[in-house]
């Protein structure tokens, strides 16, 4: 399984960006894809949002609730992260990740629940 992120870049505070995560390789109907981010100087990756690819159940990190929306298009095997009302503190490298083993739950916001990862993409929000 391979994951590839796209759509990052530089945006002013208050603006919007949409990230895409294209999934290729052998998958199955029921699995979870999540977005994580790692800010400069942070050792850990923060869980942003996750979605179940079968029933579209979602879970969000507290810092992005009401601003970010995760969605999926199974025909394109792509997961999106719509980011609105961006803040300087949203600046980070954003990663998408997939888990094929666990039943969907809030614990998918923990990075070590996912075994497949993309390379990451930079999002920079200027004040």
Foldseek 3Di string as FASTA:
>chain_A
DAKAKDWADEEAAQAKTKMKIADDDDADQWKKKFKWWDAPPRPAIFTAKMATNHPGDMDGDPVQPPFWDWDDDVVRNMIMIIGGRDDQVVWTWMKMFIARPDDDDPVVRHPVNGDYIHPTDTHGYHD
